[in-house]
Amino acid sequence: MDIVEFLTARIKEDEAAALKLLGDPTLAVSGEWYERRLLRECEAKRQLIGIIESARQSVLATLVSLEPADAGWVPDVIEWTTLSLNTLALPYADHPEFQARWRPPG
């Protein structure tokens, strides 16, 4: 499992939990704000993962067409996209499928 698959699975779990709670008739209407925010957060994370993955794929495609001397910036961008995904995974660090190598340095 790679980090994008891991994040996608955790987001689906969060979304399912929020939807289950929103369907609970015993939940007070005033308490629904948290579940609705969680659903918006899930969508925001999905979009952010898409942006990061698009950037990563663009950089890798560009790398193929560059001369080695012109590709000095590529490792920095790859590192940035990796660090971004790793940071998104941090809230799930206690999940059994979380891999220690995803923990950002520091």
PDB file of N, CA and C in Angstrom:
ATOM      1  N   MET A   1       0.848  -1.172   0.000  1.00  0.00           N
ATOM      2  CA  MET A   1       0.000   0.000   0.000  1.00  0.00           C
ATOM      3  C   MET A   1       0.895   1.237   0.000  1.00  0.00           C
ATOM      4  N   ASP A   2       0.640   2.147  -0.954  1.00  0.00           N
ATOM      5  CA  ASP A   2       1.402   3.395  -0.940  1.00  0.00           C
ATOM      6  C   ASP A   2       0.640   4.448  -0.140  1.00  0.00           C
ATOM      7  N   ILE A   3       1.249   5.593   0.033  1.00  0.00           N
ATOM      8  CA  ILE A   3       0.672   6.607   0.913  1.00  0.00           C
ATOM      9  C   ILE A   3      -0.641   7.169   0.366  1.00  0.00           C
ATOM     10  N   VAL A   4      -0.763   7.271  -0.955  1.00  0.00           N
ATOM     11  CA  VAL A   4      -2.017   7.777  -1.535  1.00  0.00           C
ATOM     12  C   VAL A   4      -3.146   6.780  -1.282  1.00  0.00           C
ATOM     13  N   GLU A   5      -2.871   5.507  -1.438  1.00  0.00           N
ATOM     14  CA  GLU A   5      -3.888   4.484  -1.140  1.00  0.00           C
ATOM     15  C   GLU A   5      -4.258   4.518   0.341  1.00  0.00           C
ATOM     16  N   PHE A   6      -3.254   4.664   1.186  1.00  0.00           N
ATOM     17  CA  PHE A   6      -3.492   4.742   2.629  1.00  0.00           C
ATOM     18  C   PHE A   6      -4.383   5.936   2.963  1.00  0.00           C
ATOM     19  N   LEU A   7      -4.026   7.101   2.448  1.00  0.00           N
ATOM     20  CA  LEU A   7      -4.807   8.308   2.725  1.00  0.00           C
ATOM     21  C   LEU A   7      -6.232   8.189   2.186  1.00  0.00           C
ATOM     22  N   THR A   8      -6.370   7.653   0.991  1.00  0.00           N
ATOM     23  CA  THR A   8      -7.698   7.491   0.397  1.00  0.00           C
ATOM     24  C   THR A   8      -8.568   6.587   1.259  1.00  0.00           C
ATOM     25  N   ALA A   9      -7.999   5.513   1.761  1.00  0.00           N
ATOM     26  CA  ALA A   9      -8.753   4.595   2.627  1.00  0.00           C
ATOM     27  C   ALA A   9      -9.155   5.272   3.935  1.00  0.00           C
ATOM     28  N   ARG A  10      -8.239   6.051   4.530  1.00  0.00           N
ATOM     29  CA  ARG A  10      -8.565   6.730   5.791  1.00  0.00           C
ATOM     30  C   ARG A  10      -9.641   7.801   5.572  1.00  0.00           C
ATOM     31  N   ILE A  11      -9.566   8.498   4.461  1.00  0.00           N
ATOM     32  CA  ILE A  11     -10.571   9.519   4.156  1.00  0.00           C
ATOM     33  C   ILE A  11     -11.940   8.866   3.987  1.00  0.00           C
ATOM     34  N   LYS A  12     -11.981   7.731   3.309  1.00  0.00           N
ATOM     35  CA  LYS A  12     -13.257   7.008   3.154  1.00  0.00           C
ATOM     36  C   LYS A  12     -13.808   6.589   4.514  1.00  0.00           C
ATOM     37  N   GLU A  13     -12.929   6.148   5.414  1.00  0.00           N
ATOM     38  CA  GLU A  13     -13.370   5.772   6.765  1.00  0.00           C
ATOM     39  C   GLU A  13     -13.928   6.976   7.518  1.00  0.00           C
ATOM     40  N   ASP A  14     -13.236   8.103   7.431  1.00  0.00           N
ATOM     41  CA  ASP A  14     -13.710   9.322   8.098  1.00  0.00           C
ATOM     42  C   ASP A  14     -15.068   9.743   7.550  1.00  0.00           C
ATOM     43  N   GLU A  15     -15.193   9.672   6.249  1.00  0.00           N
ATOM     44  CA  GLU A  15     -16.441  10.055   5.594  1.00  0.00           C
ATOM     45  C   GLU A  15     -17.588   9.140   6.026  1.00  0.00           C
ATOM     46  N   ALA A  16     -17.321   7.844   6.068  1.00  0.00           N
ATOM     47  CA  ALA A  16     -18.348   6.882   6.484  1.00  0.00           C
ATOM     48  C   ALA A  16     -18.780   7.137   7.925  1.00  0.00           C
ATOM     49  N   ALA A  17     -17.833   7.444   8.790  1.00  0.00           N
ATOM     50  CA  ALA A  17     -18.162   7.724  10.193  1.00  0.00           C
ATOM     51  C   ALA A  17     -19.024   8.976  10.303  1.00  0.00           C
ATOM     52  N   ALA A  18     -18.682  10.014   9.557  1.00  0.00           N
ATOM     53  CA  ALA A  18     -19.463  11.256   9.596  1.00  0.00           C
ATOM     54  C   ALA A  18     -20.871  11.025   9.068  1.00  0.00           C
ATOM     55  N   LEU A  19     -20.989  10.293   7.979  1.00  0.00           N
ATOM     56  CA  LEU A  19     -22.313  10.023   7.403  1.00  0.00           C
ATOM     57  C   LEU A  19     -23.166   9.178   8.341  1.00  0.00           C
ATOM     58  N   LYS A  20     -22.529   8.226   9.020  1.00  0.00           N
ATOM     59  CA  LYS A  20     -23.265   7.394   9.976  1.00  0.00           C
ATOM     60  C   LYS A  20     -23.820   8.257  11.108  1.00  0.00           C
ATOM     61  N   LEU A  21     -22.992   9.147  11.625  1.00  0.00           N
ATOM     62  CA  LEU A  21     -23.445  10.019  12.709  1.00  0.00           C
ATOM     63  C   LEU A  21     -24.538  10.977  12.241  1.00  0.00           C
ATOM     64  N   LEU A  22     -24.407  11.484  11.022  1.00  0.00           N
ATOM     65  CA  LEU A  22     -25.437  12.389  10.502  1.00  0.00           C
ATOM     66  C   LEU A  22     -26.772  11.670  10.323  1.00  0.00           C
ATOM     67  N   GLY A  23     -26.718  10.360  10.121  1.00  0.00           N
ATOM     68  CA  GLY A  23     -27.940   9.573   9.977  1.00  0.00           C
ATOM     69  C   GLY A  23     -28.536   9.136  11.301  1.00  0.00           C
ATOM     70  N   ASP A  24     -27.869   9.449  12.391  1.00  0.00           N
ATOM     71  CA  ASP A  24     -28.335   9.054  13.724  1.00  0.00           C
ATOM     72  C   ASP A  24     -29.410  10.036  14.197  1.00  0.00           C
ATOM     73  N   PRO A  25     -30.642   9.556  14.376  1.00  0.00           N
ATOM     74  CA  PRO A  25     -31.725  10.456  14.784  1.00  0.00           C
ATOM     75  C   PRO A  25     -31.556  11.002  16.204  1.00  0.00           C
ATOM     76  N   THR A  26     -30.687  10.397  16.998  1.00  0.00           N
ATOM     77  CA  THR A  26     -30.490  10.888  18.367  1.00  0.00           C
ATOM     78  C   THR A  26     -29.475  12.032  18.429  1.00  0.00           C
ATOM     79  N   LEU A  27     -28.801  12.300  17.315  1.00  0.00           N
ATOM     80  CA  LEU A  27     -27.813  13.380  17.274  1.00  0.00           C
ATOM     81  C   LEU A  27     -28.535  14.722  17.209  1.00  0.00           C
ATOM     82  N   ALA A  28     -28.190  15.600  18.112  1.00  0.00           N
ATOM     83  CA  ALA A  28     -28.805  16.931  18.125  1.00  0.00           C
ATOM     84  C   ALA A  28     -28.382  17.705  16.882  1.00  0.00           C
ATOM     85  N   VAL A  29     -29.293  18.484  16.346  1.00  0.00           N
ATOM     86  CA  VAL A  29     -28.997  19.285  15.161  1.00  0.00           C
ATOM     87  C   VAL A  29     -27.799  20.195  15.419  1.00  0.00           C
ATOM     88  N   SER A  30     -27.693  20.719  16.617  1.00  0.00           N
ATOM     89  CA  SER A  30     -26.572  21.603  16.942  1.00  0.00           C
ATOM     90  C   SER A  30     -25.238  20.867  16.932  1.00  0.00           C
ATOM     91  N   GLY A  31     -25.261  19.553  17.047  1.00  0.00           N
ATOM     92  CA  GLY A  31     -24.032  18.770  17.037  1.00  0.00           C
ATOM     93  C   GLY A  31     -23.597  18.339  15.646  1.00  0.00           C
ATOM     94  N   GLU A  32     -24.415  18.618  14.643  1.00  0.00           N
ATOM     95  CA  GLU A  32     -24.104  18.177  13.283  1.00  0.00           C
ATOM     96  C   GLU A  32     -22.969  18.969  12.639  1.00  0.00           C
ATOM     97  N   TRP A  33     -22.631  20.111  13.203  1.00  0.00           N
ATOM     98  CA  TRP A  33     -21.597  20.947  12.591  1.00  0.00           C
ATOM     99  C   TRP A  33     -20.282  20.193  12.449  1.00  0.00           C
ATOM    100  N   TYR A  34     -19.948  19.356  13.435  1.00  0.00           N
ATOM    101  CA  TYR A  34     -18.673  18.635  13.389  1.00  0.00           C
ATOM    102  C   TYR A  34     -18.657  17.637  12.241  1.00  0.00           C
ATOM    103  N   GLU A  35     -19.720  16.876  12.091  1.00  0.00           N
ATOM    104  CA  GLU A  35     -19.777  15.881  11.022  1.00  0.00           C
ATOM    105  C   GLU A  35     -19.761  16.556   9.651  1.00  0.00           C
ATOM    106  N   ARG A  36     -20.468  17.664   9.532  1.00  0.00           N
ATOM    107  CA  ARG A  36     -20.481  18.386   8.249  1.00  0.00           C
ATOM    108  C   ARG A  36     -19.091  18.964   7.944  1.00  0.00           C
ATOM    109  N   ARG A  37     -18.413  19.455   8.968  1.00  0.00           N
ATOM    110  CA  ARG A  37     -17.053  19.950   8.766  1.00  0.00           C
ATOM    111  C   ARG A  37     -16.126  18.814   8.365  1.00  0.00           C
ATOM    112  N   LEU A  38     -16.302  17.655   8.992  1.00  0.00           N
ATOM    113  CA  LEU A  38     -15.479  16.499   8.658  1.00  0.00           C
ATOM    114  C   LEU A  38     -15.685  16.091   7.200  1.00  0.00           C
ATOM    115  N   LEU A  39     -16.916  16.142   6.718  1.00  0.00           N
ATOM    116  CA  LEU A  39     -17.168  15.818   5.313  1.00  0.00           C
ATOM    117  C   LEU A  39     -16.474  16.824   4.387  1.00  0.00           C
ATOM    118  N   ARG A  40     -16.512  18.098   4.731  1.00  0.00           N
ATOM    119  CA  ARG A  40     -15.817  19.109   3.924  1.00  0.00           C
ATOM    120  C   ARG A  40     -14.302  18.898   3.984  1.00  0.00           C
ATOM    121  N   GLU A  41     -13.812  18.518   5.150  1.00  0.00           N
ATOM    122  CA  GLU A  41     -12.381  18.243   5.303  1.00  0.00           C
ATOM    123  C   GLU A  41     -11.963  17.050   4.443  1.00  0.00           C
ATOM    124  N   CYS A  42     -12.790  16.028   4.392  1.00  0.00           N
ATOM    125  CA  CYS A  42     -12.496  14.860   3.554  1.00  0.00           C
ATOM    126  C   CYS A  42     -12.381  15.276   2.090  1.00  0.00           C
ATOM    127  N   GLU A  43     -13.315  16.104   1.632  1.00  0.00           N
ATOM    128  CA  GLU A  43     -13.277  16.567   0.246  1.00  0.00           C
ATOM    129  C   GLU A  43     -12.040  17.430  -0.003  1.00  0.00           C
ATOM    130  N   ALA A  44     -11.706  18.288   0.943  1.00  0.00           N
ATOM    131  CA  ALA A  44     -10.513  19.131   0.797  1.00  0.00           C
ATOM    132  C   ALA A  44      -9.248  18.272   0.719  1.00  0.00           C
ATOM    133  N   LYS A  45      -9.161  17.244   1.539  1.00  0.00           N
ATOM    134  CA  LYS A  45      -7.990  16.355   1.510  1.00  0.00           C
ATOM    135  C   LYS A  45      -7.900  15.634   0.174  1.00  0.00           C
ATOM    136  N   ARG A  46      -9.042  15.177  -0.342  1.00  0.00           N
ATOM    137  CA  ARG A  46      -9.044  14.512  -1.652  1.00  0.00           C
ATOM    138  C   ARG A  46      -8.515  15.452  -2.735  1.00  0.00           C
ATOM    139  N   GLN A  47      -8.999  16.685  -2.709  1.00  0.00           N
ATOM    140  CA  GLN A  47      -8.549  17.653  -3.709  1.00  0.00           C
ATOM    141  C   GLN A  47      -7.062  17.949  -3.558  1.00  0.00           C
ATOM    142  N   LEU A  48      -6.603  18.091  -2.345  1.00  0.00           N
ATOM    143  CA  LEU A  48      -5.191  18.366  -2.099  1.00  0.00           C
ATOM    144  C   LEU A  48      -4.313  17.206  -2.570  1.00  0.00           C
ATOM    145  N   ILE A  49      -4.733  15.990  -2.309  1.00  0.00           N
ATOM    146  CA  ILE A  49      -3.985  14.823  -2.791  1.00  0.00           C
ATOM    147  C   ILE A  49      -3.929  14.845  -4.315  1.00  0.00           C
ATOM    148  N   GLY A  50      -5.035  15.186  -4.957  1.00  0.00           N
ATOM    149  CA  GLY A  50      -5.054  15.288  -6.419  1.00  0.00           C
ATOM    150  C   GLY A  50      -4.082  16.334  -6.936  1.00  0.00           C
ATOM    151  N   ILE A  51      -4.031  17.481  -6.281  1.00  0.00           N
ATOM    152  CA  ILE A  51      -3.108  18.548  -6.679  1.00  0.00           C
ATOM    153  C   ILE A  51      -1.659  18.085  -6.517  1.00  0.00           C
ATOM    154  N   ILE A  52      -1.357  17.474  -5.392  1.00  0.00           N
ATOM    155  CA  ILE A  52       0.011  17.008  -5.123  1.00  0.00           C
ATOM    156  C   ILE A  52       0.418  15.930  -6.117  1.00  0.00           C
ATOM    157  N   GLU A  53      -0.477  14.994  -6.383  1.00  0.00           N
ATOM    158  CA  GLU A  53      -0.157  13.915  -7.323  1.00  0.00           C
ATOM    159  C   GLU A  53      -0.004  14.449  -8.744  1.00  0.00           C
ATOM    160  N   SER A  54      -0.810  15.437  -9.126  1.00  0.00           N
ATOM    161  CA  SER A  54      -0.666  16.054 -10.451  1.00  0.00           C
ATOM    162  C   SER A  54       0.694  16.729 -10.576  1.00  0.00           C
ATOM    163  N   ALA A  55       1.099  17.432  -9.526  1.00  0.00           N
ATOM    164  CA  ALA A  55       2.412  18.083  -9.536  1.00  0.00           C
ATOM    165  C   ALA A  55       3.520  17.045  -9.659  1.00  0.00           C
ATOM    166  N   ARG A  56       3.396  15.970  -8.909  1.00  0.00           N
ATOM    167  CA  ARG A  56       4.420  14.915  -8.952  1.00  0.00           C
ATOM    168  C   ARG A  56       4.512  14.306 -10.354  1.00  0.00           C
ATOM    169  N   GLN A  57       3.361  14.001 -10.945  1.00  0.00           N
ATOM    170  CA  GLN A  57       3.359  13.400 -12.283  1.00  0.00           C
ATOM    171  C   GLN A  57       3.909  14.368 -13.331  1.00  0.00           C
ATOM    172  N   SER A  58       3.577  15.648 -13.199  1.00  0.00           N
ATOM    173  CA  SER A  58       4.103  16.651 -14.137  1.00  0.00           C
ATOM    174  C   SER A  58       5.619  16.740 -14.044  1.00  0.00           C
ATOM    175  N   VAL A  59       6.126  16.722 -12.825  1.00  0.00           N
ATOM    176  CA  VAL A  59       7.577  16.798 -12.627  1.00  0.00           C
ATOM    177  C   VAL A  59       8.257  15.566 -13.206  1.00  0.00           C
ATOM    178  N   LEU A  60       7.692  14.401 -12.971  1.00  0.00           N
ATOM    179  CA  LEU A  60       8.297  13.176 -13.501  1.00  0.00           C
ATOM    180  C   LEU A  60       8.262  13.167 -15.027  1.00  0.00           C
ATOM    181  N   ALA A  61       7.169  13.649 -15.616  1.00  0.00           N
ATOM    182  CA  ALA A  61       7.082  13.723 -17.076  1.00  0.00           C
ATOM    183  C   ALA A  61       8.101  14.721 -17.628  1.00  0.00           C
ATOM    184  N   THR A  62       8.278  15.828 -16.937  1.00  0.00           N
ATOM    185  CA  THR A  62       9.251  16.838 -17.352  1.00  0.00           C
ATOM    186  C   THR A  62      10.668  16.294 -17.237  1.00  0.00           C
ATOM    187  N   LEU A  63      10.926  15.522 -16.221  1.00  0.00           N
ATOM    188  CA  LEU A  63      12.255  14.955 -15.995  1.00  0.00           C
ATOM    189  C   LEU A  63      12.718  14.140 -17.196  1.00  0.00           C
ATOM    190  N   VAL A  64      11.796  13.434 -17.815  1.00  0.00           N
ATOM    191  CA  VAL A  64      12.142  12.593 -18.963  1.00  0.00           C
ATOM    192  C   VAL A  64      12.673  13.439 -20.122  1.00  0.00           C
ATOM    193  N   SER A  65      12.153  14.650 -20.264  1.00  0.00           N
ATOM    194  CA  SER A  65      12.541  15.479 -21.407  1.00  0.00           C
ATOM    195  C   SER A  65      13.689  16.451 -21.114  1.00  0.00           C
ATOM    196  N   LEU A  66      14.141  16.511 -19.892  1.00  0.00           N
ATOM    197  CA  LEU A  66      15.198  17.458 -19.532  1.00  0.00           C
ATOM    198  C   LEU A  66      16.584  16.843 -19.658  1.00  0.00           C
ATOM    199  N   GLU A  67      17.529  17.712 -19.944  1.00  0.00           N
ATOM    200  CA  GLU A  67      18.931  17.321 -19.864  1.00  0.00           C
ATOM    201  C   GLU A  67      19.280  17.242 -18.376  1.00  0.00           C
ATOM    202  N   PRO A  68      20.144  16.329 -17.976  1.00  0.00           N
ATOM    203  CA  PRO A  68      20.484  16.211 -16.554  1.00  0.00           C
ATOM    204  C   PRO A  68      20.895  17.532 -15.906  1.00  0.00           C
ATOM    205  N   ALA A  69      21.600  18.376 -16.641  1.00  0.00           N
ATOM    206  CA  ALA A  69      22.052  19.655 -16.071  1.00  0.00           C
ATOM    207  C   ALA A  69      20.885  20.598 -15.780  1.00  0.00           C
ATOM    208  N   ASP A  70      19.770  20.419 -16.482  1.00  0.00           N
ATOM    209  CA  ASP A  70      18.601  21.287 -16.301  1.00  0.00           C
ATOM    210  C   ASP A  70      17.606  20.740 -15.282  1.00  0.00           C
ATOM    211  N   ALA A  71      17.871  19.578 -14.741  1.00  0.00           N
ATOM    212  CA  ALA A  71      16.903  18.910 -13.860  1.00  0.00           C
ATOM    213  C   ALA A  71      17.234  19.060 -12.380  1.00  0.00           C
ATOM    214  N   GLY A  72      18.077  20.005 -12.040  1.00  0.00           N
ATOM    215  CA  GLY A  72      18.497  20.155 -10.650  1.00  0.00           C
ATOM    216  C   GLY A  72      17.374  20.452  -9.678  1.00  0.00           C
ATOM    217  N   TRP A  73      16.311  21.067 -10.138  1.00  0.00           N
ATOM    218  CA  TRP A  73      15.176  21.424  -9.277  1.00  0.00           C
ATOM    219  C   TRP A  73      14.238  20.249  -9.022  1.00  0.00           C
ATOM    220  N   VAL A  74      14.312  19.215  -9.846  1.00  0.00           N
ATOM    221  CA  VAL A  74      13.369  18.096  -9.756  1.00  0.00           C
ATOM    222  C   VAL A  74      13.409  17.399  -8.392  1.00  0.00           C
ATOM    223  N   PRO A  75      14.577  17.063  -7.847  1.00  0.00           N
ATOM    224  CA  PRO A  75      14.570  16.399  -6.532  1.00  0.00           C
ATOM    225  C   PRO A  75      13.878  17.220  -5.449  1.00  0.00           C
ATOM    226  N   ASP A  76      14.025  18.543  -5.512  1.00  0.00           N
ATOM    227  CA  ASP A  76      13.364  19.391  -4.511  1.00  0.00           C
ATOM    228  C   ASP A  76      11.848  19.290  -4.615  1.00  0.00           C
ATOM    229  N   VAL A  77      11.334  19.287  -5.835  1.00  0.00           N
ATOM    230  CA  VAL A  77       9.882  19.198  -6.024  1.00  0.00           C
ATOM    231  C   VAL A  77       9.376  17.827  -5.592  1.00  0.00           C
ATOM    232  N   ILE A  78      10.103  16.785  -5.933  1.00  0.00           N
ATOM    233  CA  ILE A  78       9.707  15.439  -5.506  1.00  0.00           C
ATOM    234  C   ILE A  78       9.705  15.364  -3.981  1.00  0.00           C
ATOM    235  N   GLU A  79      10.721  15.943  -3.348  1.00  0.00           N
ATOM    236  CA  GLU A  79      10.780  15.942  -1.885  1.00  0.00           C
ATOM    237  C   GLU A  79       9.591  16.710  -1.299  1.00  0.00           C
ATOM    238  N   TRP A  80       9.249  17.842  -1.901  1.00  0.00           N
ATOM    239  CA  TRP A  80       8.127  18.652  -1.415  1.00  0.00           C
ATOM    240  C   TRP A  80       6.815  17.882  -1.511  1.00  0.00           C
ATOM    241  N   THR A  81       6.593  17.219  -2.649  1.00  0.00           N
ATOM    242  CA  THR A  81       5.334  16.478  -2.794  1.00  0.00           C
ATOM    243  C   THR A  81       5.282  15.305  -1.817  1.00  0.00           C
ATOM    244  N   THR A  82       6.408  14.650  -1.619  1.00  0.00           N
ATOM    245  CA  THR A  82       6.461  13.541  -0.665  1.00  0.00           C
ATOM    246  C   THR A  82       6.204  14.032   0.754  1.00  0.00           C
ATOM    247  N   LEU A  83       6.844  15.116   1.134  1.00  0.00           N
ATOM    248  CA  LEU A  83       6.651  15.682   2.467  1.00  0.00           C
ATOM    249  C   LEU A  83       5.199  16.122   2.672  1.00  0.00           C
ATOM    250  N   SER A  84       4.590  16.665   1.638  1.00  0.00           N
ATOM    251  CA  SER A  84       3.188  17.089   1.730  1.00  0.00           C
ATOM    252  C   SER A  84       2.270  15.904   1.999  1.00  0.00           C
ATOM    253  N   LEU A  85       2.453  14.823   1.269  1.00  0.00           N
ATOM    254  CA  LEU A  85       1.629  13.627   1.488  1.00  0.00           C
ATOM    255  C   LEU A  85       1.897  13.031   2.866  1.00  0.00           C
ATOM    256  N   ASN A  86       3.159  12.984   3.265  1.00  0.00           N
ATOM    257  CA  ASN A  86       3.498  12.447   4.589  1.00  0.00           C
ATOM    258  C   ASN A  86       2.840  13.264   5.696  1.00  0.00           C
ATOM    259  N   THR A  87       2.804  14.573   5.523  1.00  0.00           N
ATOM    260  CA  THR A  87       2.190  15.440   6.523  1.00  0.00           C
ATOM    261  C   THR A  87       0.685  15.211   6.582  1.00  0.00           C
ATOM    262  N   LEU A  88       0.051  14.996   5.438  1.00  0.00           N
ATOM    263  CA  LEU A  88      -1.382  14.682   5.428  1.00  0.00           C
ATOM    264  C   LEU A  88      -1.681  13.374   6.154  1.00  0.00           C
ATOM    265  N   ALA A  89      -0.725  12.460   6.161  1.00  0.00           N
ATOM    266  CA  ALA A  89      -0.928  11.160   6.809  1.00  0.00           C
ATOM    267  C   ALA A  89      -0.711  11.203   8.318  1.00  0.00           C
ATOM    268  N   LEU A  90      -0.082  12.252   8.826  1.00  0.00           N
ATOM    269  CA  LEU A  90       0.253  12.320  10.257  1.00  0.00           C
ATOM    270  C   LEU A  90      -0.926  12.105  11.206  1.00  0.00           C
ATOM    271  N   PRO A  91      -2.115  12.648  10.938  1.00  0.00           N
ATOM    272  CA  PRO A  91      -3.223  12.407  11.871  1.00  0.00           C
ATOM    273  C   PRO A  91      -3.578  10.921  12.022  1.00  0.00           C
ATOM    274  N   TYR A  92      -3.128  10.108  11.080  1.00  0.00           N
ATOM    275  CA  TYR A  92      -3.436   8.676  11.102  1.00  0.00           C
ATOM    276  C   TYR A  92      -2.243   7.841  11.565  1.00  0.00           C
ATOM    277  N   ALA A  93      -1.270   8.466  12.225  1.00  0.00           N
ATOM    278  CA  ALA A  93      -0.036   7.777  12.627  1.00  0.00           C
ATOM    279  C   ALA A  93      -0.286   6.606  13.565  1.00  0.00           C
ATOM    280  N   ASP A  94      -1.418   6.604  14.265  1.00  0.00           N
ATOM    281  CA  ASP A  94      -1.707   5.488  15.170  1.00  0.00           C
ATOM    282  C   ASP A  94      -2.450   4.350  14.476  1.00  0.00           C
ATOM    283  N   HIS A  95      -2.708   4.485  13.183  1.00  0.00           N
ATOM    284  CA  HIS A  95      -3.388   3.424  12.430  1.00  0.00           C
ATOM    285  C   HIS A  95      -2.395   2.287  12.174  1.00  0.00           C
ATOM    286  N   PRO A  96      -2.834   1.036  12.265  1.00  0.00           N
ATOM    287  CA  PRO A  96      -1.899  -0.088  12.091  1.00  0.00           C
ATOM    288  C   PRO A  96      -1.237  -0.152  10.709  1.00  0.00           C
ATOM    289  N   GLU A  97      -1.841   0.446   9.697  1.00  0.00           N
ATOM    290  CA  GLU A  97      -1.251   0.408   8.359  1.00  0.00           C
ATOM    291  C   GLU A  97      -0.326   1.599   8.076  1.00  0.00           C
ATOM    292  N   PHE A  98      -0.227   2.514   9.024  1.00  0.00           N
ATOM    293  CA  PHE A  98       0.682   3.654   8.864  1.00  0.00           C
ATOM    294  C   PHE A  98       2.115   3.133   8.878  1.00  0.00           C
ATOM    295  N   GLN A  99       2.918   3.599   7.937  1.00  0.00           N
ATOM    296  CA  GLN A  99       4.306   3.150   7.851  1.00  0.00           C
ATOM    297  C   GLN A  99       5.231   4.217   8.444  1.00  0.00           C
ATOM    298  N   ALA A 100       6.167   3.780   9.242  1.00  0.00           N
ATOM    299  CA  ALA A 100       7.072   4.703   9.937  1.00  0.00           C
ATOM    300  C   ALA A 100       7.812   5.623   8.967  1.00  0.00           C
ATOM    301  N   ARG A 101       8.095   5.157   7.767  1.00  0.00           N
ATOM    302  CA  ARG A 101       8.832   5.979   6.793  1.00  0.00           C
ATOM    303  C   ARG A 101       8.021   7.173   6.312  1.00  0.00           C
ATOM    304  N   TRP A 102       6.709   7.166   6.586  1.00  0.00           N
ATOM    305  CA  TRP A 102       5.857   8.299   6.202  1.00  0.00           C
ATOM    306  C   TRP A 102       5.925   9.434   7.218  1.00  0.00           C
ATOM    307  N   ARG A 103       6.509   9.183   8.365  1.00  0.00           N
ATOM    308  CA  ARG A 103       6.577  10.223   9.398  1.00  0.00           C
ATOM    309  C   ARG A 103       7.594  11.279   8.958  1.00  0.00           C
ATOM    310  N   PRO A 104       7.144  12.541   8.847  1.00  0.00           N
ATOM    311  CA  PRO A 104       8.079  13.596   8.437  1.00  0.00           C
ATOM    312  C   PRO A 104       9.203  13.757   9.464  1.00  0.00           C
ATOM    313  N   PRO A 105      10.379  14.175   8.999  1.00  0.00           N
ATOM    314  CA  PRO A 105      11.491  14.378   9.934  1.00  0.00           C
ATOM    315  C   PRO A 105      11.180  15.526  10.890  1.00  0.00           C
ATOM    316  N   GLY A 106      11.731  15.410  12.063  1.00  0.00           N
ATOM    317  CA  GLY A 106      11.569  16.519  13.008  1.00  0.00           C
ATOM    318  C   GLY A 106      10.857  16.177  14.193  1.00  0.00           C
TER     319      GLY A 106
END
